Amino acid sequence: IMRANLDGSQIEIYAKGVRNSLGFAWHPVTHALWFTENGRDWLGDDVPPDELNLASQPGLDFGFPYYFGNNIPDPQFGKLRSAKGLT
């Protein structure tokens, strides 16, 4: 998820490792980012879970495509990367 000024300047990656976010909002007081995330396809009806996430600061990594949920490794890609440093 990226953010920028209205004029397109100061573009930054605010949150990475996010798949298919269908909605997000900035808290009006804390300025924290809340966003939904739809998990990867073809793993079943309940896996991976769809999520409501909180990015309280910029630069957080939510793990996609290597991890989902609470750092649950993806069966195909999870072995390619450590969960260290993920939100």
Protein backbone atom coordinates (compact mmCIF):
# COMPACT_ATOMS: atom_id res chain seq x y z
CA ILE A 1 0.00 0.00 0.00
CA MET A 2 1.46 3.32 -1.06
CA ARG A 3 0.71 6.86 0.00
CA ALA A 4 1.47 10.21 -1.59
CA ASN A 5 0.59 13.85 -1.34
CA LEU A 6 -2.44 14.97 -3.35
CA ASP A 7 -0.14 16.42 -6.00
CA GLY A 8 1.58 13.03 -6.44
CA SER A 9 4.77 14.01 -4.65
CA GLN A 10 6.45 12.18 -1.76
CA ILE A 11 5.35 8.70 -2.81
CA GLU A 12 6.20 6.06 -0.23
CA ILE A 13 5.47 2.42 0.43
CA TYR A 14 3.48 2.47 3.65
CA ALA A 15 2.81 -1.28 4.01
CA LYS A 16 4.18 -4.18 1.97
CA GLY A 17 3.39 -7.88 1.78
CA VAL A 18 -0.32 -7.12 1.36
CA ARG A 19 -2.53 -9.06 -1.05
CA ASN A 20 -5.74 -7.72 -2.55
CA SER A 21 -6.77 -5.05 -0.06
CA LEU A 22 -10.36 -4.08 -0.81
CA GLY A 23 -10.65 -1.30 1.68
CA PHE A 24 -8.57 0.86 3.95
CA ALA A 25 -8.84 3.98 6.10
CA TRP A 26 -6.54 6.27 8.05
CA HIS A 27 -7.55 6.80 11.68
CA PRO A 28 -8.36 10.53 12.02
CA VAL A 29 -6.51 10.96 15.33
CA THR A 30 -3.69 8.38 15.42
CA HIS A 31 -3.17 8.39 11.62
CA ALA A 32 -2.73 4.60 11.77
CA LEU A 33 -3.74 2.66 8.66
CA TRP A 34 -6.48 0.02 8.98
CA PHE A 35 -7.00 -2.22 5.94
CA THR A 36 -8.60 -5.46 4.82
CA GLU A 37 -6.72 -8.21 3.07
CA ASN A 38 -8.11 -11.09 1.06
CA GLY A 39 -5.89 -14.15 1.37
CA ARG A 40 -4.43 -16.17 -1.45
CA ASP A 41 -6.67 -18.43 -3.55
CA TRP A 42 -6.83 -22.22 -3.93
CA LEU A 43 -6.06 -23.26 -0.33
CA GLY A 44 -9.64 -23.92 0.83
CA ASP A 45 -12.66 -22.10 2.19
CA ASP A 46 -11.09 -21.07 5.50
CA VAL A 47 -7.38 -20.93 4.68
CA PRO A 48 -5.87 -18.46 4.46
CA PRO A 49 -8.05 -16.22 6.60
CA ASP A 50 -9.21 -12.86 5.29
CA GLU A 51 -7.92 -10.19 7.62
CA LEU A 52 -8.43 -6.76 9.11
CA ASN A 53 -4.93 -5.37 9.68
CA LEU A 54 -3.48 -2.40 11.52
CA ALA A 55 -0.35 -0.65 10.28
CA SER A 56 0.50 1.67 13.14
CA GLN A 57 3.59 2.98 11.35
CA PRO A 58 5.03 3.00 7.83
CA GLY A 59 7.32 0.26 6.56
CA LEU A 60 5.64 -2.81 8.05
CA ASP A 61 5.70 -6.09 6.12
CA PHE A 62 2.60 -8.30 6.29
CA GLY A 63 4.25 -11.28 4.60
CA PHE A 64 2.53 -11.99 1.30
CA PRO A 65 3.27 -14.18 -0.68
CA TYR A 66 5.37 -16.06 1.87
CA TYR A 67 3.12 -15.88 4.95
CA PHE A 68 -0.48 -15.11 5.85
CA GLY A 69 -2.53 -14.67 9.02
CA ASN A 70 -0.33 -14.70 12.11
CA ASN A 71 2.81 -15.59 10.14
CA ILE A 72 1.42 -18.92 8.92
CA PRO A 73 3.76 -20.10 6.16
CA ASP A 74 2.27 -20.42 2.70
CA PRO A 75 2.56 -24.09 1.64
CA GLN A 76 4.17 -23.16 -1.67
CA PHE A 77 6.27 -20.10 -0.82
CA GLY A 78 6.75 -20.14 2.96
CA LYS A 79 10.02 -22.09 2.81
CA LEU A 80 11.59 -19.38 0.64
CA ARG A 81 11.74 -16.76 3.38
CA SER A 82 12.00 -16.45 7.15
CA ALA A 83 9.12 -14.90 9.08
CA LYS A 84 11.62 -12.70 10.93
CA GLY A 85 10.67 -9.05 10.67
CA LEU A 86 7.06 -9.62 9.63
CA THR A 87 4.16 -7.87 11.31
